[in-house]
Amino acid sequence: MERGKRGVSPVIATILLVGMVIIIGVIIFLWFKNMQKEAITKFGNTNIELVCDEVGFDASYSSSQVYLSNTGNVPIYSFKVKTSKEGEYKTENIEDLTSWEKGLNEGKTFSSQINLDSDAEEIKIIPVLLGNSEKGHKSFVCGEQYGVTL
């Protein structure tokens, strides 16, 4: 006695295949979308990475006191403070170390006590800019080459 062997109908098989292709396509699309770097601009449509070239500031450190002066034509939103000792690096926001209130406009200065490791071999101050993105204002840390070593 032979039973009627039946598989999935061609219509159902086609619907399943199309559904799987759509799901895989959505997964790949979302994956690539998350890999794309969000564009941050300043001064209209200028990429904020290029604006870092225009940042100019002086920094000095003496007797647990930090002095910062914006000598460029770009307002500086904040700073990162990178300390190194014995091959170890530590990067902190300046507002965690001082009485910093966001923003150092052109020609302005800032000075405050700063709480740093007393045995730090090198201190580097790195500027942070505020730019515009699709989601509103966003901060951008300039590269270390734009920083000042104290």
Protein backbone atom coordinates (compact mmCIF):
# COMPACT_ATOMS: atom_id res chain seq x y z
CA MET A 1 0.00 0.00 0.00
CA GLU A 2 1.54 3.26 -1.13
CA ARG A 3 0.74 6.45 0.60
CA GLY A 4 0.46 9.67 -1.33
CA LYS A 5 3.71 11.47 -0.82
CA ARG A 6 3.20 15.17 -0.82
CA GLY A 7 5.67 17.93 -0.06
CA VAL A 8 5.14 21.61 0.45
CA SER A 9 3.17 23.15 -2.33
CA PRO A 10 5.12 25.33 -4.78
CA VAL A 11 3.18 28.44 -3.71
CA ILE A 12 4.06 27.99 -0.02
CA ALA A 13 7.70 27.20 -0.89
CA THR A 14 7.95 30.37 -2.96
CA ILE A 15 6.45 32.49 -0.17
CA LEU A 16 8.89 31.00 2.37
CA LEU A 17 11.90 31.66 0.11
CA VAL A 18 10.86 35.25 -0.60
CA GLY A 19 10.29 35.84 3.14
CA MET A 20 13.73 34.48 4.03
CA VAL A 21 15.41 36.65 1.37
CA ILE A 22 13.63 39.76 2.69
CA ILE A 23 14.63 39.00 6.30
CA ILE A 24 18.27 38.39 5.33
CA GLY A 25 18.25 41.63 3.31
CA VAL A 26 16.92 43.62 6.27
CA ILE A 27 19.56 42.12 8.58
CA ILE A 28 22.37 43.02 6.15
CA PHE A 29 20.97 46.54 5.66
CA LEU A 30 20.82 47.20 9.41
CA TRP A 31 24.30 45.79 9.90
CA PHE A 32 25.80 48.10 7.24
CA LYS A 33 23.81 51.07 8.50
CA ASN A 34 25.29 50.66 12.00
CA MET A 35 28.80 50.39 10.54
CA GLN A 36 28.51 53.76 8.82
CA LYS A 37 30.10 56.57 10.83
CA GLU A 38 27.75 59.41 11.73
CA ALA A 39 28.78 62.65 10.06
CA ILE A 40 29.43 65.53 12.45
CA THR A 41 29.74 68.99 10.95
CA LYS A 42 30.61 72.46 12.18
CA PHE A 43 30.26 75.88 10.55
CA GLY A 44 27.63 74.70 8.10
CA ASN A 45 28.75 71.67 6.16
CA THR A 46 32.43 71.45 7.14
CA ASN A 47 33.43 68.04 8.50
CA ILE A 48 34.42 68.53 12.12
CA GLU A 49 37.64 66.53 11.63
CA LEU A 50 38.85 69.28 9.28
CA VAL A 51 37.92 71.99 11.79
CA CYS A 52 40.40 70.46 14.27
CA ASP A 53 43.17 71.90 12.04
CA GLU A 54 41.93 75.39 12.90
CA VAL A 55 41.90 74.87 16.69
CA GLY A 56 44.53 76.84 18.53
CA PHE A 57 45.06 76.93 22.28
CA ASP A 58 47.80 77.32 24.83
CA ALA A 59 47.99 75.21 27.97
CA SER A 60 50.29 75.26 30.96
CA TYR A 61 50.44 73.50 34.30
CA SER A 62 52.08 74.71 37.47
CA SER A 63 51.58 73.90 41.16
CA SER A 64 48.40 71.84 40.57
CA GLN A 65 46.95 74.72 38.54
CA VAL A 66 46.03 74.40 34.85
CA TYR A 67 45.87 77.44 32.55
CA LEU A 68 44.07 77.24 29.19
CA SER A 69 43.75 79.95 26.57
CA ASN A 70 41.87 79.71 23.27
CA THR A 71 44.14 81.40 20.71
CA GLY A 72 42.34 80.08 17.62
CA ASN A 73 39.12 81.02 15.89
CA VAL A 74 37.16 77.91 16.89
CA PRO A 75 35.23 77.67 20.16
CA ILE A 76 36.41 74.70 22.22
CA TYR A 77 33.65 72.75 23.93
CA SER A 78 35.77 70.75 26.39
CA PHE A 79 39.12 69.02 26.82
CA LYS A 80 40.35 65.49 27.43
CA VAL A 81 43.28 65.14 29.82
CA LYS A 82 45.57 62.21 29.06
CA THR A 83 48.14 61.31 31.70
CA SER A 84 50.81 58.68 31.34
CA LYS A 85 53.13 56.99 33.76
CA GLU A 86 55.20 53.84 33.47
CA GLY A 87 53.63 52.90 30.12
CA GLU A 88 50.05 53.25 31.38
CA TYR A 89 47.66 55.83 29.96
CA LYS A 90 44.58 57.35 31.52
CA THR A 91 42.20 59.74 29.73
CA GLU A 92 39.66 61.79 31.65
CA ASN A 93 37.26 64.64 30.93
CA ILE A 94 38.48 67.99 32.23
CA GLU A 95 35.14 68.60 33.96
CA ASP A 96 35.86 65.56 36.16
CA LEU A 97 39.16 67.10 37.28
CA THR A 98 38.37 70.82 37.57
CA SER A 99 35.55 73.32 37.88
CA TRP A 100 35.22 73.40 34.07
CA GLU A 101 32.00 74.69 32.62
CA LYS A 102 31.57 73.69 28.98
CA GLY A 103 32.92 76.13 26.46
CA LEU A 104 36.04 78.20 25.85
CA ASN A 105 35.28 80.80 23.20
CA GLU A 106 37.84 82.54 21.01
CA GLY A 107 40.21 84.74 23.01
CA LYS A 108 38.98 83.47 26.38
CA THR A 109 41.04 81.89 29.16
CA PHE A 110 40.41 79.38 31.93
CA SER A 111 42.39 78.48 35.02
CA SER A 112 41.60 76.14 37.88
CA GLN A 113 43.03 73.67 40.32
CA ILE A 114 43.34 70.27 38.69
CA ASN A 115 43.41 66.92 40.44
CA LEU A 116 46.06 64.86 38.64
CA ASP A 117 48.26 61.98 39.68
CA SER A 118 51.32 63.60 41.19
CA ASP A 119 53.61 61.00 39.63
CA ALA A 120 52.37 61.45 36.04
CA GLU A 121 55.26 61.53 33.58
CA GLU A 122 53.37 63.31 30.81
CA ILE A 123 50.15 65.30 30.62
CA LYS A 124 48.44 65.97 27.29
CA ILE A 125 45.45 68.28 26.84
CA ILE A 126 43.29 67.34 23.83
CA PRO A 127 40.50 69.62 22.53
CA VAL A 128 36.88 68.51 22.20
CA LEU A 129 34.61 70.34 19.76
CA LEU A 130 30.84 70.53 19.58
CA GLY A 131 29.29 69.90 16.18
CA ASN A 132 25.98 69.10 14.55
CA SER A 133 24.75 65.69 13.49
CA GLU A 134 21.46 64.27 12.31
CA LYS A 135 20.54 63.68 15.96
CA GLY A 136 21.40 67.19 17.21
CA HIS A 137 24.58 68.47 18.87
CA LYS A 138 27.38 65.97 19.37
CA SER A 139 30.87 66.30 20.81
CA PHE A 140 33.96 65.24 18.86
CA VAL A 141 37.40 64.58 20.33
CA CYS A 142 40.15 65.87 18.05
CA GLY A 143 43.15 63.60 17.49
CA GLU A 144 46.11 63.62 19.87
CA GLN A 145 48.19 65.48 17.29
CA TYR A 146 46.05 68.56 18.04
CA GLY A 147 46.77 68.33 21.76
CA VAL A 148 49.32 70.19 23.86
CA THR A 149 51.81 68.31 26.01
CA LEU A 150 52.54 69.87 29.38
